[in-house]
Amino acid sequence: YYSTQFHLFVALAVLESHRDVILRYLVEFDEVLKYCNDLSMTI
């Protein structure tokens, strides 16, 4: 309806929903990776 790539805005929305935690506590790639993987079934 809006875009053939709307799923990328969904990905951005997930990141924006957790930006405060990411900015405050996650300072290494491995930390960000684990945190995002652990979001499974919680979104």
PDB file of all heavy atoms in Angstrom:
ATOM      1  N   TYR A   1       0.823  -1.213   0.000  1.00  0.00           N
ATOM      2  CA  TYR A   1       0.000   0.000   0.000  1.00  0.00           C
ATOM      3  C   TYR A   1       0.859   1.266   0.000  1.00  0.00           C
ATOM      4  O   TYR A   1       0.630   2.182  -0.798  1.00  0.00           O
ATOM      5  CB  TYR A   1      -0.925  -0.013   1.223  1.00  0.00           C
ATOM      6  CG  TYR A   1      -1.840   1.183   1.300  1.00  0.00           C
ATOM      7  CD1 TYR A   1      -2.952   1.286   0.466  1.00  0.00           C
ATOM      8  CD2 TYR A   1      -1.599   2.210   2.207  1.00  0.00           C
ATOM      9  CE1 TYR A   1      -3.799   2.382   0.536  1.00  0.00           C
ATOM     10  CE2 TYR A   1      -2.430   3.304   2.285  1.00  0.00           C
ATOM     11  CZ  TYR A   1      -3.533   3.396   1.451  1.00  0.00           C
ATOM     12  OH  TYR A   1      -4.357   4.483   1.527  1.00  0.00           O
ATOM     13  N   TYR A   2       1.824   1.315   0.887  1.00  0.00           N
ATOM     14  CA  TYR A   2       2.720   2.476   0.941  1.00  0.00           C
ATOM     15  C   TYR A   2       3.985   2.248   0.111  1.00  0.00           C
ATOM     16  O   TYR A   2       4.462   3.145  -0.571  1.00  0.00           O
ATOM     17  CB  TYR A   2       3.137   2.770   2.383  1.00  0.00           C
ATOM     18  CG  TYR A   2       2.070   3.427   3.223  1.00  0.00           C
ATOM     19  CD1 TYR A   2       1.617   2.821   4.391  1.00  0.00           C
ATOM     20  CD2 TYR A   2       1.526   4.660   2.868  1.00  0.00           C
ATOM     21  CE1 TYR A   2       0.650   3.422   5.182  1.00  0.00           C
ATOM     22  CE2 TYR A   2       0.554   5.263   3.639  1.00  0.00           C
ATOM     23  CZ  TYR A   2       0.118   4.645   4.798  1.00  0.00           C
ATOM     24  OH  TYR A   2      -0.853   5.243   5.572  1.00  0.00           O
ATOM     25  N   SER A   3       4.536   1.068   0.232  1.00  0.00           N
ATOM     26  CA  SER A   3       5.836   0.791  -0.365  1.00  0.00           C
ATOM     27  C   SER A   3       6.003  -0.709  -0.570  1.00  0.00           C
ATOM     28  O   SER A   3       5.491  -1.511   0.207  1.00  0.00           O
ATOM     29  CB  SER A   3       6.945   1.306   0.569  1.00  0.00           C
ATOM     30  OG  SER A   3       8.216   0.837   0.180  1.00  0.00           O
ATOM     31  N   THR A   4       6.749  -1.052  -1.614  1.00  0.00           N
ATOM     32  CA  THR A   4       7.087  -2.462  -1.828  1.00  0.00           C
ATOM     33  C   THR A   4       8.158  -2.926  -0.844  1.00  0.00           C
ATOM     34  O   THR A   4       8.472  -4.112  -0.776  1.00  0.00           O
ATOM     35  CB  THR A   4       7.599  -2.678  -3.266  1.00  0.00           C
ATOM     36  OG1 THR A   4       8.733  -1.822  -3.498  1.00  0.00           O
ATOM     37  CG2 THR A   4       6.500  -2.374  -4.277  1.00  0.00           C
ATOM     38  N   GLN A   5       8.708  -1.975  -0.085  1.00  0.00           N
ATOM     39  CA  GLN A   5       9.736  -2.300   0.911  1.00  0.00           C
ATOM     40  C   GLN A   5       9.314  -1.817   2.303  1.00  0.00           C
ATOM     41  O   GLN A   5      10.144  -1.385   3.102  1.00  0.00           O
ATOM     42  CB  GLN A   5      11.079  -1.674   0.526  1.00  0.00           C
ATOM     43  CG  GLN A   5      11.603  -2.116  -0.829  1.00  0.00           C
ATOM     44  CD  GLN A   5      12.945  -1.522  -1.148  1.00  0.00           C
ATOM     45  OE1 GLN A   5      13.954  -1.836  -0.527  1.00  0.00           O
ATOM     46  NE2 GLN A   5      12.975  -0.638  -2.135  1.00  0.00           N
ATOM     47  N   PHE A   6       8.045  -1.923   2.579  1.00  0.00           N
ATOM     48  CA  PHE A   6       7.530  -1.430   3.855  1.00  0.00           C
ATOM     49  C   PHE A   6       8.153  -2.170   5.043  1.00  0.00           C
ATOM     50  O   PHE A   6       8.232  -1.625   6.150  1.00  0.00           O
ATOM     51  CB  PHE A   6       6.006  -1.574   3.890  1.00  0.00           C
ATOM     52  CG  PHE A   6       5.364  -0.913   5.079  1.00  0.00           C
ATOM     53  CD1 PHE A   6       5.306   0.465   5.189  1.00  0.00           C
ATOM     54  CD2 PHE A   6       4.814  -1.677   6.103  1.00  0.00           C
ATOM     55  CE1 PHE A   6       4.718   1.071   6.285  1.00  0.00           C
ATOM     56  CE2 PHE A   6       4.231  -1.080   7.206  1.00  0.00           C
ATOM     57  CZ  PHE A   6       4.177   0.299   7.297  1.00  0.00           C
ATOM     58  N   HIS A   7       8.610  -3.398   4.819  1.00  0.00           N
ATOM     59  CA  HIS A   7       9.209  -4.166   5.910  1.00  0.00           C
ATOM     60  C   HIS A   7      10.444  -3.473   6.483  1.00  0.00           C
ATOM     61  O   HIS A   7      10.788  -3.681   7.649  1.00  0.00           O
ATOM     62  CB  HIS A   7       9.560  -5.574   5.440  1.00  0.00           C
ATOM     63  CG  HIS A   7      10.550  -5.613   4.310  1.00  0.00           C
ATOM     64  ND1 HIS A   7      10.216  -5.313   3.014  1.00  0.00           N
ATOM     65  CD2 HIS A   7      11.871  -5.924   4.290  1.00  0.00           C
ATOM     66  CE1 HIS A   7      11.288  -5.422   2.241  1.00  0.00           C
ATOM     67  NE2 HIS A   7      12.314  -5.800   3.000  1.00  0.00           N
ATOM     68  N   LEU A   8      11.103  -2.620   5.674  1.00  0.00           N
ATOM     69  CA  LEU A   8      12.263  -1.889   6.188  1.00  0.00           C
ATOM     70  C   LEU A   8      11.833  -0.817   7.183  1.00  0.00           C
ATOM     71  O   LEU A   8      12.559  -0.521   8.143  1.00  0.00           O
ATOM     72  CB  LEU A   8      13.054  -1.269   5.042  1.00  0.00           C
ATOM     73  CG  LEU A   8      13.701  -2.256   4.061  1.00  0.00           C
ATOM     74  CD1 LEU A   8      14.531  -1.533   3.017  1.00  0.00           C
ATOM     75  CD2 LEU A   8      14.557  -3.275   4.804  1.00  0.00           C
ATOM     76  N   PHE A   9      10.661  -0.259   6.990  1.00  0.00           N
ATOM     77  CA  PHE A   9      10.128   0.698   7.972  1.00  0.00           C
ATOM     78  C   PHE A   9       9.699  -0.033   9.238  1.00  0.00           C
ATOM     79  O   PHE A   9       9.777   0.534  10.338  1.00  0.00           O
ATOM     80  CB  PHE A   9       8.963   1.482   7.371  1.00  0.00           C
ATOM     81  CG  PHE A   9       9.373   2.476   6.333  1.00  0.00           C
ATOM     82  CD1 PHE A   9       9.381   2.130   4.996  1.00  0.00           C
ATOM     83  CD2 PHE A   9       9.786   3.751   6.694  1.00  0.00           C
ATOM     84  CE1 PHE A   9       9.789   3.035   4.022  1.00  0.00           C
ATOM     85  CE2 PHE A   9      10.184   4.671   5.738  1.00  0.00           C
ATOM     86  CZ  PHE A   9      10.195   4.315   4.388  1.00  0.00           C
ATOM     87  N   VAL A  10       9.266  -1.274   9.085  1.00  0.00           N
ATOM     88  CA  VAL A  10       8.946  -2.089  10.262  1.00  0.00           C
ATOM     89  C   VAL A  10      10.217  -2.365  11.060  1.00  0.00           C
ATOM     90  O   VAL A  10      10.227  -2.273  12.288  1.00  0.00           O
ATOM     91  CB  VAL A  10       8.258  -3.400   9.845  1.00  0.00           C
ATOM     92  CG1 VAL A  10       8.047  -4.306  11.053  1.00  0.00           C
ATOM     93  CG2 VAL A  10       6.920  -3.111   9.162  1.00  0.00           C
ATOM     94  N   ALA A  11      11.299  -2.699  10.358  1.00  0.00           N
ATOM     95  CA  ALA A  11      12.582  -2.917  11.036  1.00  0.00           C
ATOM     96  C   ALA A  11      13.023  -1.656  11.761  1.00  0.00           C
ATOM     97  O   ALA A  11      13.484  -1.708  12.916  1.00  0.00           O
ATOM     98  CB  ALA A  11      13.635  -3.354  10.021  1.00  0.00           C
ATOM     99  N   LEU A  12      12.868  -0.521  11.099  1.00  0.00           N
ATOM    100  CA  LEU A  12      13.229   0.752  11.733  1.00  0.00           C
ATOM    101  C   LEU A  12      12.347   1.019  12.942  1.00  0.00           C
ATOM    102  O   LEU A  12      12.823   1.514  13.977  1.00  0.00           O
ATOM    103  CB  LEU A  12      13.097   1.895  10.720  1.00  0.00           C
ATOM    104  CG  LEU A  12      13.440   3.297  11.233  1.00  0.00           C
ATOM    105  CD1 LEU A  12      14.891   3.365  11.716  1.00  0.00           C
ATOM    106  CD2 LEU A  12      13.198   4.336  10.137  1.00  0.00           C
ATOM    107  N   ALA A  13      11.068   0.683  12.846  1.00  0.00           N
ATOM    108  CA  ALA A  13      10.144   0.884  13.963  1.00  0.00           C
ATOM    109  C   ALA A  13      10.552   0.062  15.177  1.00  0.00           C
ATOM    110  O   ALA A  13      10.468   0.533  16.321  1.00  0.00           O
ATOM    111  CB  ALA A  13       8.719   0.532  13.538  1.00  0.00           C
ATOM    112  N   VAL A  14      11.000  -1.161  14.951  1.00  0.00           N
ATOM    113  CA  VAL A  14      11.452  -2.005  16.062  1.00  0.00           C
ATOM    114  C   VAL A  14      12.670  -1.367  16.732  1.00  0.00           C
ATOM    115  O   VAL A  14      12.753  -1.285  17.966  1.00  0.00           O
ATOM    116  CB  VAL A  14      11.789  -3.423  15.574  1.00  0.00           C
ATOM    117  CG1 VAL A  14      12.391  -4.239  16.712  1.00  0.00           C
ATOM    118  CG2 VAL A  14      10.536  -4.121  15.034  1.00  0.00           C
ATOM    119  N   LEU A  15      13.611  -0.895  15.928  1.00  0.00           N
ATOM    120  CA  LEU A  15      14.800  -0.248  16.491  1.00  0.00           C
ATOM    121  C   LEU A  15      14.426   1.011  17.256  1.00  0.00           C
ATOM    122  O   LEU A  15      14.965   1.275  18.345  1.00  0.00           O
ATOM    123  CB  LEU A  15      15.789   0.094  15.370  1.00  0.00           C
ATOM    124  CG  LEU A  15      16.424  -1.085  14.636  1.00  0.00           C
ATOM    125  CD1 LEU A  15      17.318  -0.596  13.504  1.00  0.00           C
ATOM    126  CD2 LEU A  15      17.213  -1.962  15.603  1.00  0.00           C
ATOM    127  N   GLU A  16      13.506   1.791  16.711  1.00  0.00           N
ATOM    128  CA  GLU A  16      13.092   3.022  17.379  1.00  0.00           C
ATOM    129  C   GLU A  16      12.391   2.729  18.706  1.00  0.00           C
ATOM    130  O   GLU A  16      12.520   3.490  19.673  1.00  0.00           O
ATOM    131  CB  GLU A  16      12.167   3.829  16.467  1.00  0.00           C
ATOM    132  CG  GLU A  16      12.867   4.470  15.282  1.00  0.00           C
ATOM    133  CD  GLU A  16      13.905   5.491  15.714  1.00  0.00           C
ATOM    134  OE1 GLU A  16      13.554   6.432  16.448  1.00  0.00           O
ATOM    135  OE2 GLU A  16      15.075   5.320  15.327  1.00  0.00           O
ATOM    136  N   SER A  17      11.673   1.622  18.752  1.00  0.00           N
ATOM    137  CA  SER A  17      10.968   1.257  19.989  1.00  0.00           C
ATOM    138  C   SER A  17      11.941   0.930  21.115  1.00  0.00           C
ATOM    139  O   SER A  17      11.589   1.024  22.291  1.00  0.00           O
ATOM    140  CB  SER A  17      10.053   0.052  19.743  1.00  0.00           C
ATOM    141  OG  SER A  17       9.036   0.354  18.810  1.00  0.00           O
ATOM    142  N   HIS A  18      13.153   0.556  20.745  1.00  0.00           N
ATOM    143  CA  HIS A  18      14.141   0.134  21.746  1.00  0.00           C
ATOM    144  C   HIS A  18      15.372   1.050  21.750  1.00  0.00           C
ATOM    145  O   HIS A  18      16.392   0.683  22.319  1.00  0.00           O
ATOM    146  CB  HIS A  18      14.553  -1.308  21.476  1.00  0.00           C
ATOM    147  CG  HIS A  18      13.423  -2.289  21.618  1.00  0.00           C
ATOM    148  ND1 HIS A  18      13.126  -2.926  22.808  1.00  0.00           N
ATOM    149  CD2 HIS A  18      12.500  -2.731  20.725  1.00  0.00           C
ATOM    150  CE1 HIS A  18      12.084  -3.711  22.637  1.00  0.00           C
ATOM    151  NE2 HIS A  18      11.689  -3.618  21.384  1.00  0.00           N
ATOM    152  N   ARG A  19      15.247   2.213  21.148  1.00  0.00           N
ATOM    153  CA  ARG A  19      16.419   3.089  20.994  1.00  0.00           C
ATOM    154  C   ARG A  19      16.981   3.542  22.336  1.00  0.00           C
ATOM    155  O   ARG A  19      18.203   3.659  22.490  1.00  0.00           O
ATOM    156  CB  ARG A  19      16.089   4.293  20.108  1.00  0.00           C
ATOM    157  CG  ARG A  19      15.246   5.366  20.751  1.00  0.00           C
ATOM    158  CD  ARG A  19      14.891   6.483  19.776  1.00  0.00           C
ATOM    159  NE  ARG A  19      16.038   7.130  19.188  1.00  0.00           N
ATOM    160  CZ  ARG A  19      16.707   8.126  19.754  1.00  0.00           C
ATOM    161  NH1 ARG A  19      16.363   8.573  20.963  1.00  0.00           N
ATOM    162  NH2 ARG A  19      17.738   8.694  19.142  1.00  0.00           N
ATOM    163  N   ASP A  20      16.127   3.795  23.322  1.00  0.00           N
ATOM    164  CA  ASP A  20      16.619   4.273  24.612  1.00  0.00           C
ATOM    165  C   ASP A  20      17.522   3.238  25.281  1.00  0.00           C
ATOM    166  O   ASP A  20      18.578   3.572  25.818  1.00  0.00           O
ATOM    167  CB  ASP A  20      15.456   4.637  25.535  1.00  0.00           C
ATOM    168  CG  ASP A  20      14.702   5.870  25.064  1.00  0.00           C
ATOM    169  OD1 ASP A  20      15.273   6.619  24.243  1.00  0.00           O
ATOM    170  OD2 ASP A  20      13.558   6.080  25.497  1.00  0.00           O
ATOM    171  N   VAL A  21      17.089   1.979  25.238  1.00  0.00           N
ATOM    172  CA  VAL A  21      17.904   0.905  25.813  1.00  0.00           C
ATOM    173  C   VAL A  21      19.206   0.767  25.030  1.00  0.00           C
ATOM    174  O   VAL A  21      20.294   0.626  25.607  1.00  0.00           O
ATOM    175  CB  VAL A  21      17.138  -0.431  25.805  1.00  0.00           C
ATOM    176  CG1 VAL A  21      18.050  -1.583  26.224  1.00  0.00           C
ATOM    177  CG2 VAL A  21      15.933  -0.351  26.728  1.00  0.00           C
ATOM    178  N   ILE A  22      19.103   0.804  23.711  1.00  0.00           N
ATOM    179  CA  ILE A  22      20.289   0.647  22.859  1.00  0.00           C
ATOM    180  C   ILE A  22      21.285   1.763  23.117  1.00  0.00           C
ATOM    181  O   ILE A  22      22.492   1.522  23.294  1.00  0.00           O
ATOM    182  CB  ILE A  22      19.880   0.611  21.376  1.00  0.00           C
ATOM    183  CG1 ILE A  22      19.048  -0.643  21.081  1.00  0.00           C
ATOM    184  CG2 ILE A  22      21.114   0.642  20.477  1.00  0.00           C
ATOM    185  CD1 ILE A  22      18.438  -0.672  19.685  1.00  0.00           C
ATOM    186  N   LEU A  23      20.803   2.988  23.158  1.00  0.00           N
ATOM    187  CA  LEU A  23      21.700   4.135  23.348  1.00  0.00           C
ATOM    188  C   LEU A  23      22.336   4.139  24.735  1.00  0.00           C
ATOM    189  O   LEU A  23      23.501   4.517  24.896  1.00  0.00           O
ATOM    190  CB  LEU A  23      20.927   5.438  23.133  1.00  0.00           C
ATOM    191  CG  LEU A  23      20.509   5.756  21.697  1.00  0.00           C
ATOM    192  CD1 LEU A  23      19.613   6.977  21.651  1.00  0.00           C
ATOM    193  CD2 LEU A  23      21.735   5.962  20.800  1.00  0.00           C
ATOM    194  N   ARG A  24      21.598   3.704  25.717  1.00  0.00           N
ATOM    195  CA  ARG A  24      22.085   3.808  27.097  1.00  0.00           C
ATOM    196  C   ARG A  24      22.967   2.637  27.514  1.00  0.00           C
ATOM    197  O   ARG A  24      23.952   2.828  28.238  1.00  0.00           O
ATOM    198  CB  ARG A  24      20.893   3.916  28.053  1.00  0.00           C
ATOM    199  CG  ARG A  24      21.290   4.049  29.525  1.00  0.00           C
ATOM    200  CD  ARG A  24      20.092   4.325  30.395  1.00  0.00           C
ATOM    201  NE  ARG A  24      19.454   5.599  30.053  1.00  0.00           N
ATOM    202  CZ  ARG A  24      18.435   6.121  30.744  1.00  0.00           C
ATOM    203  NH1 ARG A  24      17.944   5.484  31.790  1.00  0.00           N
ATOM    204  NH2 ARG A  24      17.905   7.265  30.372  1.00  0.00           N
ATOM    205  N   TYR A  25      22.618   1.430  27.063  1.00  0.00           N
ATOM    206  CA  TYR A  25      23.268   0.251  27.634  1.00  0.00           C
ATOM    207  C   TYR A  25      24.076  -0.596  26.652  1.00  0.00           C
ATOM    208  O   TYR A  25      24.932  -1.376  27.104  1.00  0.00           O
ATOM    209  CB  TYR A  25      22.215  -0.649  28.291  1.00  0.00           C
ATOM    210  CG  TYR A  25      21.448   0.018  29.393  1.00  0.00           C
ATOM    211  CD1 TYR A  25      20.096   0.326  29.236  1.00  0.00           C
ATOM    212  CD2 TYR A  25      22.061   0.364  30.596  1.00  0.00           C
ATOM    213  CE1 TYR A  25      19.374   0.948  30.251  1.00  0.00           C
ATOM    214  CE2 TYR A  25      21.354   0.988  31.610  1.00  0.00           C
ATOM    215  CZ  TYR A  25      20.009   1.271  31.432  1.00  0.00           C
ATOM    216  OH  TYR A  25      19.298   1.894  32.432  1.00  0.00           O
ATOM    217  N   LEU A  26      23.810  -0.502  25.358  1.00  0.00           N
ATOM    218  CA  LEU A  26      24.442  -1.420  24.408  1.00  0.00           C
ATOM    219  C   LEU A  26      25.532  -0.681  23.628  1.00  0.00           C
ATOM    220  O   LEU A  26      25.240   0.124  22.744  1.00  0.00           O
ATOM    221  CB  LEU A  26      23.393  -1.985  23.446  1.00  0.00           C
ATOM    222  CG  LEU A  26      22.145  -2.586  24.126  1.00  0.00           C
ATOM    223  CD1 LEU A  26      21.183  -3.131  23.083  1.00  0.00           C
ATOM    224  CD2 LEU A  26      22.544  -3.672  25.125  1.00  0.00           C
ATOM    225  N   VAL A  27      26.769  -0.976  23.949  1.00  0.00           N
ATOM    226  CA  VAL A  27      27.883  -0.228  23.367  1.00  0.00           C
ATOM    227  C   VAL A  27      28.768  -1.087  22.466  1.00  0.00           C
ATOM    228  O   VAL A  27      29.701  -0.571  21.858  1.00  0.00           O
ATOM    229  CB  VAL A  27      28.753   0.399  24.480  1.00  0.00           C
ATOM    230  CG1 VAL A  27      27.938   1.410  25.283  1.00  0.00           C
ATOM    231  CG2 VAL A  27      29.329  -0.673  25.399  1.00  0.00           C
ATOM    232  N   GLU A  28      28.487  -2.385  22.380  1.00  0.00           N
ATOM    233  CA  GLU A  28      29.255  -3.277  21.529  1.00  0.00           C
ATOM    234  C   GLU A  28      28.313  -4.005  20.564  1.00  0.00           C
ATOM    235  O   GLU A  28      27.144  -4.229  20.875  1.00  0.00           O
ATOM    236  CB  GLU A  28      30.025  -4.322  22.357  1.00  0.00           C
ATOM    237  CG  GLU A  28      31.029  -3.735  23.336  1.00  0.00           C
ATOM    238  CD  GLU A  28      32.242  -3.147  22.650  1.00  0.00           C
ATOM    239  OE1 GLU A  28      32.450  -3.481  21.455  1.00  0.00           O
ATOM    240  OE2 GLU A  28      32.986  -2.372  23.293  1.00  0.00           O
ATOM    241  N   PHE A  29      28.855  -4.399  19.408  1.00  0.00           N
ATOM    242  CA  PHE A  29      28.033  -5.084  18.409  1.00  0.00           C
ATOM    243  C   PHE A  29      27.391  -6.344  18.976  1.00  0.00           C
ATOM    244  O   PHE A  29      26.206  -6.600  18.760  1.00  0.00           O
ATOM    245  CB  PHE A  29      28.876  -5.450  17.187  1.00  0.00           C
ATOM    246  CG  PHE A  29      28.183  -6.372  16.233  1.00  0.00           C
ATOM    247  CD1 PHE A  29      27.199  -5.895  15.383  1.00  0.00           C
ATOM    248  CD2 PHE A  29      28.488  -7.736  16.193  1.00  0.00           C
ATOM    249  CE1 PHE A  29      26.529  -6.747  14.505  1.00  0.00           C
ATOM    250  CE2 PHE A  29      27.835  -8.588  15.324  1.00  0.00           C
ATOM    251  CZ  PHE A  29      26.855  -8.093  14.473  1.00  0.00           C
ATOM    252  N   ASP A  30      28.177  -7.148  19.706  1.00  0.00           N
ATOM    253  CA  ASP A  30      27.652  -8.401  20.254  1.00  0.00           C
ATOM    254  C   ASP A  30      26.480  -8.151  21.196  1.00  0.00           C
ATOM    255  O   ASP A  30      25.527  -8.948  21.251  1.00  0.00           O
ATOM    256  CB  ASP A  30      28.743  -9.170  20.993  1.00  0.00           C
ATOM    257  CG  ASP A  30      29.782  -9.750  20.042  1.00  0.00           C
ATOM    258  OD1 ASP A  30      29.499  -9.794  18.828  1.00  0.00           O
ATOM    259  OD2 ASP A  30      30.864 -10.147  20.509  1.00  0.00           O
ATOM    260  N   GLU A  31      26.518  -7.053  21.915  1.00  0.00           N
ATOM    261  CA  GLU A  31      25.426  -6.719  22.834  1.00  0.00           C
ATOM    262  C   GLU A  31      24.166  -6.360  22.059  1.00  0.00           C
ATOM    263  O   GLU A  31      23.057  -6.782  22.425  1.00  0.00           O
ATOM    264  CB  GLU A  31      25.843  -5.556  23.736  1.00  0.00           C
ATOM    265  CG  GLU A  31      27.000  -5.888  24.674  1.00  0.00           C
ATOM    266  CD  GLU A  31      27.508  -4.675  25.436  1.00  0.00           C
ATOM    267  OE1 GLU A  31      27.187  -3.532  25.032  1.00  0.00           O
ATOM    268  OE2 GLU A  31      28.221  -4.860  26.433  1.00  0.00           O
ATOM    269  N   VAL A  32      24.333  -5.598  21.011  1.00  0.00           N
ATOM    270  CA  VAL A  32      23.179  -5.224  20.175  1.00  0.00           C
ATOM    271  C   VAL A  32      22.593  -6.465  19.506  1.00  0.00           C
ATOM    272  O   VAL A  32      21.367  -6.642  19.458  1.00  0.00           O
ATOM    273  CB  VAL A  32      23.585  -4.192  19.107  1.00  0.00           C
ATOM    274  CG1 VAL A  32      22.376  -3.820  18.239  1.00  0.00           C
ATOM    275  CG2 VAL A  32      24.166  -2.940  19.750  1.00  0.00           C
ATOM    276  N   LEU A  33      23.463  -7.341  19.001  1.00  0.00           N
ATOM    277  CA  LEU A  33      23.014  -8.556  18.332  1.00  0.00           C
ATOM    278  C   LEU A  33      22.201  -9.437  19.270  1.00  0.00           C
ATOM    279  O   LEU A  33      21.111  -9.910  18.912  1.00  0.00           O
ATOM    280  CB  LEU A  33      24.225  -9.330  17.802  1.00  0.00           C
ATOM    281  CG  LEU A  33      23.934 -10.673  17.127  1.00  0.00           C
ATOM    282  CD1 LEU A  33      23.102 -10.475  15.868  1.00  0.00           C
ATOM    283  CD2 LEU A  33      25.240 -11.390  16.788  1.00  0.00           C
ATOM    284  N   LYS A  34      22.713  -9.671  20.462  1.00  0.00           N
ATOM    285  CA  LYS A  34      22.004 -10.510  21.429  1.00  0.00           C
ATOM    286  C   LYS A  34      20.668  -9.880  21.824  1.00  0.00           C
ATOM    287  O   LYS A  34      19.645 -10.568  21.906  1.00  0.00           O
ATOM    288  CB  LYS A  34      22.857 -10.737  22.674  1.00  0.00           C
ATOM    289  CG  LYS A  34      22.202 -11.669  23.701  1.00  0.00           C
ATOM    290  CD  LYS A  34      23.067 -11.875  24.917  1.00  0.00           C
ATOM    291  CE  LYS A  34      22.449 -12.908  25.865  1.00  0.00           C
ATOM    292  NZ  LYS A  34      21.056 -12.579  26.245  1.00  0.00           N
ATOM    293  N   TYR A  35      20.684  -8.585  22.048  1.00  0.00           N
ATOM    294  CA  TYR A  35      19.454  -7.906  22.460  1.00  0.00           C
ATOM    295  C   TYR A  35      18.376  -8.028  21.376  1.00  0.00           C
ATOM    296  O   TYR A  35      17.210  -8.347  21.672  1.00  0.00           O
ATOM    297  CB  TYR A  35      19.752  -6.436  22.741  1.00  0.00           C
ATOM    298  CG  TYR A  35      18.561  -5.665  23.237  1.00  0.00           C
ATOM    299  CD1 TYR A  35      18.206  -5.687  24.586  1.00  0.00           C
ATOM    300  CD2 TYR A  35      17.775  -4.903  22.365  1.00  0.00           C
ATOM    301  CE1 TYR A  35      17.108  -4.978  25.046  1.00  0.00           C
ATOM    302  CE2 TYR A  35      16.684  -4.197  22.819  1.00  0.00           C
ATOM    303  CZ  TYR A  35      16.349  -4.233  24.164  1.00  0.00           C
ATOM    304  OH  TYR A  35      15.252  -3.532  24.614  1.00  0.00           O
ATOM    305  N   CYS A  36      18.754  -7.794  20.122  1.00  0.00           N
ATOM    306  CA  CYS A  36      17.775  -7.853  19.030  1.00  0.00           C
ATOM    307  C   CYS A  36      17.289  -9.280  18.791  1.00  0.00           C
ATOM    308  O   CYS A  36      16.108  -9.497  18.507  1.00  0.00           O
ATOM    309  CB  CYS A  36      18.379  -7.266  17.754  1.00  0.00           C
ATOM    310  SG  CYS A  36      18.587  -5.472  17.808  1.00  0.00           S
ATOM    311  N   ASN A  37      18.180 -10.249  18.925  1.00  0.00           N
ATOM    312  CA  ASN A  37      17.754 -11.646  18.788  1.00  0.00           C
ATOM    313  C   ASN A  37      16.766 -12.031  19.885  1.00  0.00           C
ATOM    314  O   ASN A  37      15.820 -12.795  19.649  1.00  0.00           O
ATOM    315  CB  ASN A  37      18.965 -12.579  18.829  1.00  0.00           C
ATOM    316  CG  ASN A  37      19.739 -12.600  17.530  1.00  0.00           C
ATOM    317  OD1 ASN A  37      19.230 -12.193  16.481  1.00  0.00           O
ATOM    318  ND2 ASN A  37      20.978 -13.050  17.581  1.00  0.00           N
ATOM    319  N   ASP A  38      16.982 -11.512  21.073  1.00  0.00           N
ATOM    320  CA  ASP A  38      16.117 -11.837  22.210  1.00  0.00           C
ATOM    321  C   ASP A  38      14.744 -11.157  22.133  1.00  0.00           C
ATOM    322  O   ASP A  38      13.859 -11.450  22.945  1.00  0.00           O
ATOM    323  CB  ASP A  38      16.800 -11.449  23.528  1.00  0.00           C
ATOM    324  CG  ASP A  38      17.971 -12.359  23.867  1.00  0.00           C
ATOM    325  OD1 ASP A  38      18.081 -13.431  23.242  1.00  0.00           O
ATOM    326  OD2 ASP A  38      18.785 -11.995  24.733  1.00  0.00           O
ATOM    327  N   LEU A  39      14.570 -10.259  21.165  1.00  0.00           N
ATOM    328  CA  LEU A  39      13.267  -9.613  20.995  1.00  0.00           C
ATOM    329  C   LEU A  39      12.239 -10.563  20.381  1.00  0.00           C
ATOM    330  O   LEU A  39      11.038 -10.265  20.382  1.00  0.00           O
ATOM    331  CB  LEU A  39      13.397  -8.370  20.101  1.00  0.00           C
ATOM    332  CG  LEU A  39      14.180  -7.189  20.669  1.00  0.00           C
ATOM    333  CD1 LEU A  39      14.267  -6.077  19.622  1.00  0.00           C
ATOM    334  CD2 LEU A  39      13.523  -6.663  21.939  1.00  0.00           C
ATOM    335  N   SER A  40      12.705 -11.688  19.855  1.00  0.00           N
ATOM    336  CA  SER A  40      11.811 -12.655  19.217  1.00  0.00           C
ATOM    337  C   SER A  40      10.641 -13.007  20.120  1.00  0.00           C
ATOM    338  O   SER A  40      10.805 -13.316  21.299  1.00  0.00           O
ATOM    339  CB  SER A  40      12.600 -13.924  18.868  1.00  0.00           C
ATOM    340  OG  SER A  40      11.757 -14.908  18.320  1.00  0.00           O
ATOM    341  N   MET A  41       9.435 -12.934  19.577  1.00  0.00           N
ATOM    342  CA  MET A  41       8.175 -13.249  20.255  1.00  0.00           C
ATOM    343  C   MET A  41       7.799 -12.235  21.344  1.00  0.00           C
ATOM    344  O   MET A  41       6.885 -12.498  22.130  1.00  0.00           O
ATOM    345  CB  MET A  41       8.212 -14.663  20.858  1.00  0.00           C
ATOM    346  CG  MET A  41       8.452 -15.752  19.827  1.00  0.00           C
ATOM    347  SD  MET A  41       7.151 -15.771  18.562  1.00  0.00           S
ATOM    348  CE  MET A  41       7.955 -16.721  17.248  1.00  0.00           C
ATOM    349  N   THR A  42       8.466 -11.095  21.363  1.00  0.00           N
ATOM    350  CA  THR A  42       8.105 -10.051  22.332  1.00  0.00           C
ATOM    351  C   THR A  42       7.610  -8.786  21.640  1.00  0.00           C
ATOM    352  O   THR A  42       7.145  -7.867  22.307  1.00  0.00           O
ATOM    353  CB  THR A  42       9.306  -9.679  23.219  1.00  0.00           C
ATOM    354  OG1 THR A  42      10.300  -8.989  22.441  1.00  0.00           O
ATOM    355  CG2 THR A  42       9.923 -10.915  23.855  1.00  0.00           C
ATOM    356  N   ILE A  43       7.694  -8.729  20.312  1.00  0.00           N
ATOM    357  CA  ILE A  43       7.330  -7.529  19.566  1.00  0.00           C
ATOM    358  C   ILE A  43       5.819  -7.482  19.369  1.00  0.00           C
ATOM    359  O   ILE A  43       5.223  -8.457  18.893  1.00  0.00           O
ATOM    360  CB  ILE A  43       8.045  -7.488  18.206  1.00  0.00           C
ATOM    361  CG1 ILE A  43       9.558  -7.598  18.392  1.00  0.00           C
ATOM    362  CG2 ILE A  43       7.702  -6.214  17.446  1.00  0.00           C
ATOM    363  CD1 ILE A  43      10.321  -7.794  17.089  1.00  0.00           C
TER     364      ILE A  43
END
